[in-house]
Amino acid sequence: MENLTYNSIILQLEGLKSSEQAMYPVFAFFLLFYVIIMVSNIGIFILITAHRSLHEPMYMLFCNLPLNDILGNSIMVPRLLMDILKPPSERYISYVECVVQAFSTHTYGTTSHTILMIGLTLRLNRCRTFISNPFCDNASLFKLSCEDVTVNNLYGLIYTVLLFGSSMGSIAITYIKITVVCLITKSKTLNSRALKTCSTHLALYLIMLISGFIVIVLHRFPAYSDYRKLSSLLFHIIPSILNPIIYGLQCSEIRHILIQVVHLKRKVGL
């Protein structure tokens, strides 16, 4: 029978399941990806802010991507790394820290309706202390309650349907317009650039869409918790690594400045 402790301020994270032999390789794997995410995204941010030639709306918009990736992964990955090195029975987190992490996790994925969603969860009494997830999100928090969470579940599902529907709708409209322009102009150069940009963007978008959708669906199926954990980590890590490459290095201006910086460092080294 599940141990029920009402409104406890200390919670237990299930974290990632790994054997003692795999603990350090798993730790090194996530640490490596975290370093890559930090270095690449901070590099792109500094590059854009340091060069006046890149102070244009398009490139300033790019600054939101690395900042979002830095914030989202800094909230989740360091805590995940700490828990990997701890036995499962010692992976504790305070309720306040868990709420902050859940808020940050949802802010990373989207910025609208987050306050209302977390606010609904905060109204619930808690009778459980075990979180079957590597990090805190809203679904994990309202599962701590023994009250009726139908409203939370319905809001989460409706919010998800609207979010995914509007996201896919806007992406579809954008690609339709790009296709129409390419067909009208019949320019090989324009079509080549559009195909290069859109294909990489679409691949990244599909990774985020599919992994995020899997996480939301599998929250309703506890038997597949390991697959949900993997998808939730992929949602954070893979786009954060690919964003600087796709949105940074594909821009000719940014690529040109990077080449200049590399050449300058080589001359200084000589």
C-alpha atoms as a PDB file:
ATOM      1  CA  MET A   1       0.000   0.000   0.000  1.00  0.00           C
ATOM      2  CA  GLU A   2       1.264   3.477  -0.866  1.00  0.00           C
ATOM      3  CA  ASN A   3       2.537   5.550   2.046  1.00  0.00           C
ATOM      4  CA  LEU A   4       0.420   8.725   2.342  1.00  0.00           C
ATOM      5  CA  THR A   5       1.939  11.786   4.022  1.00  0.00           C
ATOM      6  CA  TYR A   6      -0.232  14.904   3.839  1.00  0.00           C
ATOM      7  CA  ASN A   7       1.357  18.179   2.674  1.00  0.00           C
ATOM      8  CA  SER A   8       4.926  17.051   3.277  1.00  0.00           C
ATOM      9  CA  ILE A   9       7.533  19.702   2.405  1.00  0.00           C
ATOM     10  CA  ILE A  10      10.019  16.998   1.347  1.00  0.00           C
ATOM     11  CA  LEU A  11       9.425  14.928  -1.792  1.00  0.00           C
ATOM     12  CA  GLN A  12      11.274  11.996  -3.304  1.00  0.00           C
ATOM     13  CA  LEU A  13      12.317  11.976  -6.961  1.00  0.00           C
ATOM     14  CA  GLU A  14      12.453   8.665  -8.747  1.00  0.00           C
ATOM     15  CA  GLY A  15      15.043   9.998 -11.185  1.00  0.00           C
ATOM     16  CA  LEU A  16      16.670   7.818 -13.800  1.00  0.00           C
ATOM     17  CA  LYS A  17      16.962   4.095 -13.202  1.00  0.00           C
ATOM     18  CA  SER A  18      20.510   2.919 -13.806  1.00  0.00           C
ATOM     19  CA  SER A  19      22.759   0.235 -12.378  1.00  0.00           C
ATOM     20  CA  GLU A  20      25.897   1.039 -10.382  1.00  0.00           C
ATOM     21  CA  GLN A  21      28.015   0.071 -13.395  1.00  0.00           C
ATOM     22  CA  ALA A  22      26.119   2.434 -15.696  1.00  0.00           C
ATOM     23  CA  MET A  23      25.894   5.317 -13.197  1.00  0.00           C
ATOM     24  CA  TYR A  24      29.139   7.070 -14.149  1.00  0.00           C
ATOM     25  CA  PRO A  25      28.784   6.606 -17.944  1.00  0.00           C
ATOM     26  CA  VAL A  26      25.232   8.021 -17.729  1.00  0.00           C
ATOM     27  CA  PHE A  27      26.532  10.921 -15.625  1.00  0.00           C
ATOM     28  CA  ALA A  28      29.330  11.619 -18.128  1.00  0.00           C
ATOM     29  CA  PHE A  29      26.860  11.413 -21.028  1.00  0.00           C
ATOM     30  CA  PHE A  30      24.512  14.059 -19.616  1.00  0.00           C
ATOM     31  CA  LEU A  31      27.393  16.219 -18.360  1.00  0.00           C
ATOM     32  CA  LEU A  32      28.925  16.255 -21.845  1.00  0.00           C
ATOM     33  CA  PHE A  33      25.642  17.305 -23.431  1.00  0.00           C
ATOM     34  CA  TYR A  34      25.121  19.972 -20.772  1.00  0.00           C
ATOM     35  CA  VAL A  35      28.577  21.446 -21.448  1.00  0.00           C
ATOM     36  CA  ILE A  36      27.891  21.415 -25.212  1.00  0.00           C
ATOM     37  CA  ILE A  37      24.535  23.146 -24.661  1.00  0.00           C
ATOM     38  CA  MET A  38      26.047  25.834 -22.415  1.00  0.00           C
ATOM     39  CA  VAL A  39      29.116  26.547 -24.576  1.00  0.00           C
ATOM     40  CA  SER A  40      27.255  26.651 -27.892  1.00  0.00           C
ATOM     41  CA  ASN A  41      24.303  28.724 -26.699  1.00  0.00           C
ATOM     42  CA  ILE A  42      26.371  31.177 -24.629  1.00  0.00           C
ATOM     43  CA  GLY A  43      28.723  31.507 -27.615  1.00  0.00           C
ATOM     44  CA  ILE A  44      25.891  32.374 -29.997  1.00  0.00           C
ATOM     45  CA  PHE A  45      24.419  34.855 -27.489  1.00  0.00           C
ATOM     46  CA  ILE A  46      27.774  36.631 -26.950  1.00  0.00           C
ATOM     47  CA  LEU A  47      28.459  36.663 -30.677  1.00  0.00           C
ATOM     48  CA  ILE A  48      25.164  38.392 -31.477  1.00  0.00           C
ATOM     49  CA  THR A  49      25.380  40.914 -28.629  1.00  0.00           C
ATOM     50  CA  ALA A  50      29.059  41.765 -29.224  1.00  0.00           C
ATOM     51  CA  HIS A  51      28.803  42.583 -32.949  1.00  0.00           C
ATOM     52  CA  ARG A  52      26.759  45.611 -33.961  1.00  0.00           C
ATOM     53  CA  SER A  53      26.275  44.258 -37.450  1.00  0.00           C
ATOM     54  CA  LEU A  54      24.052  41.576 -35.911  1.00  0.00           C
ATOM     55  CA  HIS A  55      21.890  44.038 -33.950  1.00  0.00           C
ATOM     56  CA  GLU A  56      18.922  43.514 -36.245  1.00  0.00           C
ATOM     57  CA  PRO A  57      15.446  42.170 -35.426  1.00  0.00           C
ATOM     58  CA  MET A  58      16.122  38.747 -36.938  1.00  0.00           C
ATOM     59  CA  TYR A  59      19.315  38.169 -34.954  1.00  0.00           C
ATOM     60  CA  MET A  60      17.946  39.694 -31.757  1.00  0.00           C
ATOM     61  CA  LEU A  61      15.130  37.170 -32.094  1.00  0.00           C
ATOM     62  CA  PHE A  62      17.763  34.434 -32.223  1.00  0.00           C
ATOM     63  CA  CYS A  63      18.934  35.586 -28.776  1.00  0.00           C
ATOM     64  CA  ASN A  64      15.703  34.230 -27.285  1.00  0.00           C
ATOM     65  CA  LEU A  65      16.583  30.686 -28.340  1.00  0.00           C
ATOM     66  CA  PRO A  66      19.937  30.372 -26.540  1.00  0.00           C
ATOM     67  CA  LEU A  67      18.597  32.191 -23.467  1.00  0.00           C
ATOM     68  CA  ASN A  68      15.625  29.839 -23.345  1.00  0.00           C
ATOM     69  CA  ASP A  69      17.865  26.788 -23.794  1.00  0.00           C
ATOM     70  CA  ILE A  70      20.291  27.985 -21.103  1.00  0.00           C
ATOM     71  CA  LEU A  71      17.479  28.634 -18.630  1.00  0.00           C
ATOM     72  CA  GLY A  72      15.562  25.417 -19.315  1.00  0.00           C
ATOM     73  CA  ASN A  73      18.575  23.141 -19.072  1.00  0.00           C
ATOM     74  CA  SER A  74      20.192  24.933 -16.106  1.00  0.00           C
ATOM     75  CA  ILE A  75      17.034  24.344 -14.097  1.00  0.00           C
ATOM     76  CA  MET A  76      16.869  20.637 -14.916  1.00  0.00           C
ATOM     77  CA  VAL A  77      20.242  19.110 -15.836  1.00  0.00           C
ATOM     78  CA  PRO A  78      22.430  20.057 -12.795  1.00  0.00           C
ATOM     79  CA  ARG A  79      19.808  18.612 -10.451  1.00  0.00           C
ATOM     80  CA  LEU A  80      19.553  15.520 -12.654  1.00  0.00           C
ATOM     81  CA  LEU A  81      23.347  15.072 -12.524  1.00  0.00           C
ATOM     82  CA  MET A  82      23.310  15.285  -8.727  1.00  0.00           C
ATOM     83  CA  ASP A  83      20.557  12.690  -8.461  1.00  0.00           C
ATOM     84  CA  ILE A  84      22.299  10.264 -10.813  1.00  0.00           C
ATOM     85  CA  LEU A  85      25.170   9.954  -8.296  1.00  0.00           C
ATOM     86  CA  LYS A  86      22.774   9.359  -5.383  1.00  0.00           C
ATOM     87  CA  PRO A  87      21.009   6.101  -4.477  1.00  0.00           C
ATOM     88  CA  PRO A  88      17.297   6.234  -5.385  1.00  0.00           C
ATOM     89  CA  SER A  89      16.354   6.274  -1.693  1.00  0.00           C
ATOM     90  CA  GLU A  90      18.313   9.532  -1.154  1.00  0.00           C
ATOM     91  CA  ARG A  91      16.901  11.588  -4.035  1.00  0.00           C
ATOM     92  CA  TYR A  92      14.925  14.194  -2.103  1.00  0.00           C
ATOM     93  CA  ILE A  93      13.700  17.613  -3.161  1.00  0.00           C
ATOM     94  CA  SER A  94      11.762  20.272  -1.260  1.00  0.00           C
ATOM     95  CA  TYR A  95       8.240  21.038  -2.421  1.00  0.00           C
ATOM     96  CA  VAL A  96       9.147  24.702  -3.014  1.00  0.00           C
ATOM     97  CA  GLU A  97      12.139  23.719  -5.178  1.00  0.00           C
ATOM     98  CA  CYS A  98       9.934  21.255  -7.038  1.00  0.00           C
ATOM     99  CA  VAL A  99       7.333  23.954  -7.760  1.00  0.00           C
ATOM    100  CA  VAL A 100      10.057  26.309  -9.028  1.00  0.00           C
ATOM    101  CA  GLN A 101      11.457  23.558 -11.252  1.00  0.00           C
ATOM    102  CA  ALA A 102       7.995  22.701 -12.581  1.00  0.00           C
ATOM    103  CA  PHE A 103       7.307  26.358 -13.348  1.00  0.00           C
ATOM    104  CA  SER A 104      10.676  26.702 -15.108  1.00  0.00           C
ATOM    105  CA  THR A 105      10.170  23.470 -17.047  1.00  0.00           C
ATOM    106  CA  HIS A 106       6.842  24.635 -18.418  1.00  0.00           C
ATOM    107  CA  THR A 107       8.204  28.124 -19.096  1.00  0.00           C
ATOM    108  CA  TYR A 108      10.927  26.474 -21.150  1.00  0.00           C
ATOM    109  CA  GLY A 109       8.336  24.688 -23.291  1.00  0.00           C
ATOM    110  CA  THR A 110       5.875  27.561 -23.487  1.00  0.00           C
ATOM    111  CA  THR A 111       5.226  30.901 -21.809  1.00  0.00           C
ATOM    112  CA  SER A 112       1.438  31.155 -21.866  1.00  0.00           C
ATOM    113  CA  HIS A 113      -1.035  29.714 -19.325  1.00  0.00           C
ATOM    114  CA  THR A 114       1.806  28.453 -17.131  1.00  0.00           C
ATOM    115  CA  ILE A 115       0.841  30.534 -14.096  1.00  0.00           C
ATOM    116  CA  LEU A 116      -2.789  29.374 -14.237  1.00  0.00           C
ATOM    117  CA  MET A 117      -1.785  25.731 -14.664  1.00  0.00           C
ATOM    118  CA  ILE A 118       0.682  25.764 -11.740  1.00  0.00           C
ATOM    119  CA  GLY A 119      -1.792  27.858  -9.711  1.00  0.00           C
ATOM    120  CA  LEU A 120      -4.456  25.150 -10.033  1.00  0.00           C
ATOM    121  CA  THR A 121      -1.959  22.593  -8.766  1.00  0.00           C
ATOM    122  CA  LEU A 122      -0.905  24.719  -5.773  1.00  0.00           C
ATOM    123  CA  ARG A 123      -4.506  24.675  -4.503  1.00  0.00           C
ATOM    124  CA  LEU A 124      -4.367  20.891  -4.028  1.00  0.00           C
ATOM    125  CA  ASN A 125      -3.477  19.176  -0.762  1.00  0.00           C
ATOM    126  CA  ARG A 126      -0.664  16.666  -1.035  1.00  0.00           C
ATOM    127  CA  CYS A 127      -0.763  13.163   0.436  1.00  0.00           C
ATOM    128  CA  ARG A 128       2.119  11.609  -1.489  1.00  0.00           C
ATOM    129  CA  THR A 129       5.847  12.354  -1.571  1.00  0.00           C
ATOM    130  CA  PHE A 130       7.127  10.227  -4.465  1.00  0.00           C
ATOM    131  CA  ILE A 131       7.628  11.752  -7.937  1.00  0.00           C
ATOM    132  CA  SER A 132       8.021   9.165 -10.687  1.00  0.00           C
ATOM    133  CA  ASN A 133       9.948  11.489 -12.964  1.00  0.00           C
ATOM    134  CA  PRO A 134      13.575  12.689 -13.383  1.00  0.00           C
ATOM    135  CA  PHE A 135      12.432  16.300 -12.798  1.00  0.00           C
ATOM    136  CA  CYS A 136       9.335  18.197 -11.654  1.00  0.00           C
ATOM    137  CA  ASP A 137       6.552  19.232 -14.013  1.00  0.00           C
ATOM    138  CA  ASN A 138       2.905  20.073 -13.489  1.00  0.00           C
ATOM    139  CA  ALA A 139       1.586  16.551 -14.092  1.00  0.00           C
ATOM    140  CA  SER A 140       4.044  15.179 -11.505  1.00  0.00           C
ATOM    141  CA  LEU A 141       2.897  17.771  -8.970  1.00  0.00           C
ATOM    142  CA  PHE A 142      -0.842  17.162  -9.180  1.00  0.00           C
ATOM    143  CA  LYS A 143      -0.236  13.403  -8.987  1.00  0.00           C
ATOM    144  CA  LEU A 144       0.918  14.055  -5.393  1.00  0.00           C
ATOM    145  CA  SER A 145      -2.666  14.884  -4.433  1.00  0.00           C
ATOM    146  CA  CYS A 146      -5.339  12.457  -3.259  1.00  0.00           C
ATOM    147  CA  GLU A 147      -8.055  14.946  -4.214  1.00  0.00           C
ATOM    148  CA  ASP A 148     -10.037  14.910  -7.433  1.00  0.00           C
ATOM    149  CA  VAL A 149      -7.633  16.239 -10.095  1.00  0.00           C
ATOM    150  CA  THR A 150     -10.133  16.076 -12.961  1.00  0.00           C
ATOM    151  CA  VAL A 151     -10.023  19.865 -13.419  1.00  0.00           C
ATOM    152  CA  ASN A 152      -6.215  19.819 -13.572  1.00  0.00           C
ATOM    153  CA  ASN A 153      -6.228  16.925 -16.004  1.00  0.00           C
ATOM    154  CA  LEU A 154      -8.864  18.516 -18.240  1.00  0.00           C
ATOM    155  CA  TYR A 155      -7.115  21.886 -18.227  1.00  0.00           C
ATOM    156  CA  GLY A 156      -3.789  20.231 -19.005  1.00  0.00           C
ATOM    157  CA  LEU A 157      -5.285  18.234 -21.885  1.00  0.00           C
ATOM    158  CA  ILE A 158      -7.262  21.176 -23.323  1.00  0.00           C
ATOM    159  CA  TYR A 159      -4.219  23.412 -22.995  1.00  0.00           C
ATOM    160  CA  THR A 160      -2.103  20.784 -24.729  1.00  0.00           C
ATOM    161  CA  VAL A 161      -4.590  20.348 -27.583  1.00  0.00           C
ATOM    162  CA  LEU A 162      -4.808  24.123 -28.096  1.00  0.00           C
ATOM    163  CA  LEU A 163      -1.031  24.515 -27.857  1.00  0.00           C
ATOM    164  CA  PHE A 164      -0.249  21.713 -30.264  1.00  0.00           C
ATOM    165  CA  GLY A 165      -3.112  22.665 -32.578  1.00  0.00           C
ATOM    166  CA  SER A 166      -2.100  26.330 -32.809  1.00  0.00           C
ATOM    167  CA  SER A 167       1.564  25.383 -33.129  1.00  0.00           C
ATOM    168  CA  MET A 168       0.991  22.888 -35.924  1.00  0.00           C
ATOM    169  CA  GLY A 169      -1.502  25.239 -37.586  1.00  0.00           C
ATOM    170  CA  SER A 170       0.895  28.180 -37.626  1.00  0.00           C
ATOM    171  CA  ILE A 171       3.740  25.996 -38.875  1.00  0.00           C
ATOM    172  CA  ALA A 172       1.526  24.568 -41.627  1.00  0.00           C
ATOM    173  CA  ILE A 173       0.397  28.058 -42.747  1.00  0.00           C
ATOM    174  CA  THR A 174       4.007  29.268 -42.784  1.00  0.00           C
ATOM    175  CA  TYR A 175       5.203  26.361 -44.909  1.00  0.00           C
ATOM    176  CA  ILE A 176       2.257  26.714 -47.295  1.00  0.00           C
ATOM    177  CA  LYS A 177       3.124  30.394 -47.830  1.00  0.00           C
ATOM    178  CA  ILE A 178       6.806  29.533 -48.375  1.00  0.00           C
ATOM    179  CA  THR A 179       5.799  26.848 -50.900  1.00  0.00           C
ATOM    180  CA  VAL A 180       3.517  29.287 -52.756  1.00  0.00           C
ATOM    181  CA  VAL A 181       6.290  31.894 -52.955  1.00  0.00           C
ATOM    182  CA  CYS A 182       8.754  29.307 -54.258  1.00  0.00           C
ATOM    183  CA  LEU A 183       6.297  28.110 -56.892  1.00  0.00           C
ATOM    184  CA  ILE A 184       5.498  31.643 -58.037  1.00  0.00           C
ATOM    185  CA  THR A 185       9.081  32.946 -58.257  1.00  0.00           C
ATOM    186  CA  LYS A 186      10.556  29.737 -59.729  1.00  0.00           C
ATOM    187  CA  SER A 187      13.986  30.866 -58.555  1.00  0.00           C
ATOM    188  CA  LYS A 188      16.452  27.999 -58.069  1.00  0.00           C
ATOM    189  CA  THR A 189      18.511  30.017 -55.586  1.00  0.00           C
ATOM    190  CA  LEU A 190      15.457  30.957 -53.515  1.00  0.00           C
ATOM    191  CA  ASN A 191      14.086  27.413 -53.633  1.00  0.00           C
ATOM    192  CA  SER A 192      17.444  25.984 -52.557  1.00  0.00           C
ATOM    193  CA  ARG A 193      17.719  28.363 -49.588  1.00  0.00           C
ATOM    194  CA  ALA A 194      14.121  27.713 -48.569  1.00  0.00           C
ATOM    195  CA  LEU A 195      14.593  23.943 -48.747  1.00  0.00           C
ATOM    196  CA  LYS A 196      17.823  24.114 -46.725  1.00  0.00           C
ATOM    197  CA  THR A 197      16.335  26.307 -44.000  1.00  0.00           C
ATOM    198  CA  CYS A 198      12.899  24.709 -43.824  1.00  0.00           C
ATOM    199  CA  SER A 199      14.084  21.101 -43.795  1.00  0.00           C
ATOM    200  CA  THR A 200      16.355  21.614 -40.778  1.00  0.00           C
ATOM    201  CA  HIS A 201      13.764  23.727 -38.976  1.00  0.00           C
ATOM    202  CA  LEU A 202      11.068  21.137 -39.642  1.00  0.00           C
ATOM    203  CA  ALA A 203      13.281  18.305 -38.379  1.00  0.00           C
ATOM    204  CA  LEU A 204      13.948  20.166 -35.124  1.00  0.00           C
ATOM    205  CA  TYR A 205      10.283  21.102 -34.727  1.00  0.00           C
ATOM    206  CA  LEU A 206       9.188  17.480 -35.231  1.00  0.00           C
ATOM    207  CA  ILE A 207      11.668  16.268 -32.597  1.00  0.00           C
ATOM    208  CA  MET A 208      10.242  18.741 -30.069  1.00  0.00           C
ATOM    209  CA  LEU A 209       6.643  18.034 -31.104  1.00  0.00           C
ATOM    210  CA  ILE A 210       6.891  14.235 -30.984  1.00  0.00           C
ATOM    211  CA  SER A 211       8.939  14.019 -27.774  1.00  0.00           C
ATOM    212  CA  GLY A 212       6.677  16.583 -26.041  1.00  0.00           C
ATOM    213  CA  PHE A 213       3.540  14.761 -27.196  1.00  0.00           C
ATOM    214  CA  ILE A 214       4.901  11.412 -25.982  1.00  0.00           C
ATOM    215  CA  VAL A 215       5.659  12.897 -22.541  1.00  0.00           C
ATOM    216  CA  ILE A 216       2.109  14.237 -22.183  1.00  0.00           C
ATOM    217  CA  VAL A 217       0.455  11.001 -23.350  1.00  0.00           C
ATOM    218  CA  LEU A 218       2.657   8.674 -21.270  1.00  0.00           C
ATOM    219  CA  HIS A 219       1.911  10.638 -18.077  1.00  0.00           C
ATOM    220  CA  ARG A 220      -1.465   8.871 -18.315  1.00  0.00           C
ATOM    221  CA  PHE A 221       0.196   5.425 -18.567  1.00  0.00           C
ATOM    222  CA  PRO A 222       2.428   4.735 -15.510  1.00  0.00           C
ATOM    223  CA  ALA A 223       3.627   1.398 -16.903  1.00  0.00           C
ATOM    224  CA  TYR A 224       5.673   3.262 -19.545  1.00  0.00           C
ATOM    225  CA  SER A 225       7.408   5.689 -17.171  1.00  0.00           C
ATOM    226  CA  ASP A 226      10.906   4.881 -18.480  1.00  0.00           C
ATOM    227  CA  TYR A 227       9.928   5.842 -22.030  1.00  0.00           C
ATOM    228  CA  ARG A 228       8.363   9.048 -20.702  1.00  0.00           C
ATOM    229  CA  LYS A 229      11.574   9.959 -18.888  1.00  0.00           C
ATOM    230  CA  LEU A 230      13.649   9.420 -22.021  1.00  0.00           C
ATOM    231  CA  SER A 231      11.282  11.545 -24.112  1.00  0.00           C
ATOM    232  CA  SER A 232      11.243  14.355 -21.548  1.00  0.00           C
ATOM    233  CA  LEU A 233      15.046  14.483 -21.534  1.00  0.00           C
ATOM    234  CA  LEU A 234      15.194  14.426 -25.339  1.00  0.00           C
ATOM    235  CA  PHE A 235      12.725  17.347 -25.393  1.00  0.00           C
ATOM    236  CA  HIS A 236      15.222  19.444 -23.426  1.00  0.00           C
ATOM    237  CA  ILE A 237      18.600  18.238 -24.680  1.00  0.00           C
ATOM    238  CA  ILE A 238      18.336  17.578 -28.433  1.00  0.00           C
ATOM    239  CA  PRO A 239      16.776  20.941 -29.495  1.00  0.00           C
ATOM    240  CA  SER A 240      19.174  22.840 -27.201  1.00  0.00           C
ATOM    241  CA  ILE A 241      22.155  21.259 -28.988  1.00  0.00           C
ATOM    242  CA  LEU A 242      20.734  21.695 -32.497  1.00  0.00           C
ATOM    243  CA  ASN A 243      19.423  25.276 -32.093  1.00  0.00           C
ATOM    244  CA  PRO A 244      22.865  26.962 -32.255  1.00  0.00           C
ATOM    245  CA  ILE A 245      23.745  24.869 -35.305  1.00  0.00           C
ATOM    246  CA  ILE A 246      20.500  25.305 -37.220  1.00  0.00           C
ATOM    247  CA  TYR A 247      19.684  28.914 -36.339  1.00  0.00           C
ATOM    248  CA  GLY A 248      23.234  30.153 -35.833  1.00  0.00           C
ATOM    249  CA  LEU A 249      25.638  28.533 -38.249  1.00  0.00           C
ATOM    250  CA  GLN A 250      23.150  28.586 -41.131  1.00  0.00           C
ATOM    251  CA  CYS A 251      23.053  32.399 -41.041  1.00  0.00           C
ATOM    252  CA  SER A 252      25.779  33.587 -43.386  1.00  0.00           C
ATOM    253  CA  GLU A 253      26.506  36.690 -41.278  1.00  0.00           C
ATOM    254  CA  ILE A 254      27.008  34.690 -38.073  1.00  0.00           C
ATOM    255  CA  ARG A 255      29.042  32.055 -39.921  1.00  0.00           C
ATOM    256  CA  HIS A 256      31.238  34.773 -41.444  1.00  0.00           C
ATOM    257  CA  ILE A 257      31.923  36.354 -38.033  1.00  0.00           C
ATOM    258  CA  LEU A 258      32.710  32.933 -36.519  1.00  0.00           C
ATOM    259  CA  ILE A 259      35.261  32.304 -39.277  1.00  0.00           C
ATOM    260  CA  GLN A 260      36.818  35.714 -38.603  1.00  0.00           C
ATOM    261  CA  VAL A 261      37.055  34.943 -34.869  1.00  0.00           C
ATOM    262  CA  VAL A 262      38.717  31.577 -35.567  1.00  0.00           C
ATOM    263  CA  HIS A 263      41.245  33.165 -37.959  1.00  0.00           C
ATOM    264  CA  LEU A 264      41.995  35.921 -35.423  1.00  0.00           C
ATOM    265  CA  LYS A 265      42.661  33.368 -32.666  1.00  0.00           C
ATOM    266  CA  ARG A 266      44.996  31.438 -34.975  1.00  0.00           C
ATOM    267  CA  LYS A 267      46.974  34.616 -35.740  1.00  0.00           C
ATOM    268  CA  VAL A 268      47.200  35.475 -32.040  1.00  0.00           C
ATOM    269  CA  GLY A 269      48.350  31.917 -31.320  1.00  0.00           C
ATOM    270  CA  LEU A 270      51.077  32.211 -33.939  1.00  0.00           C
END
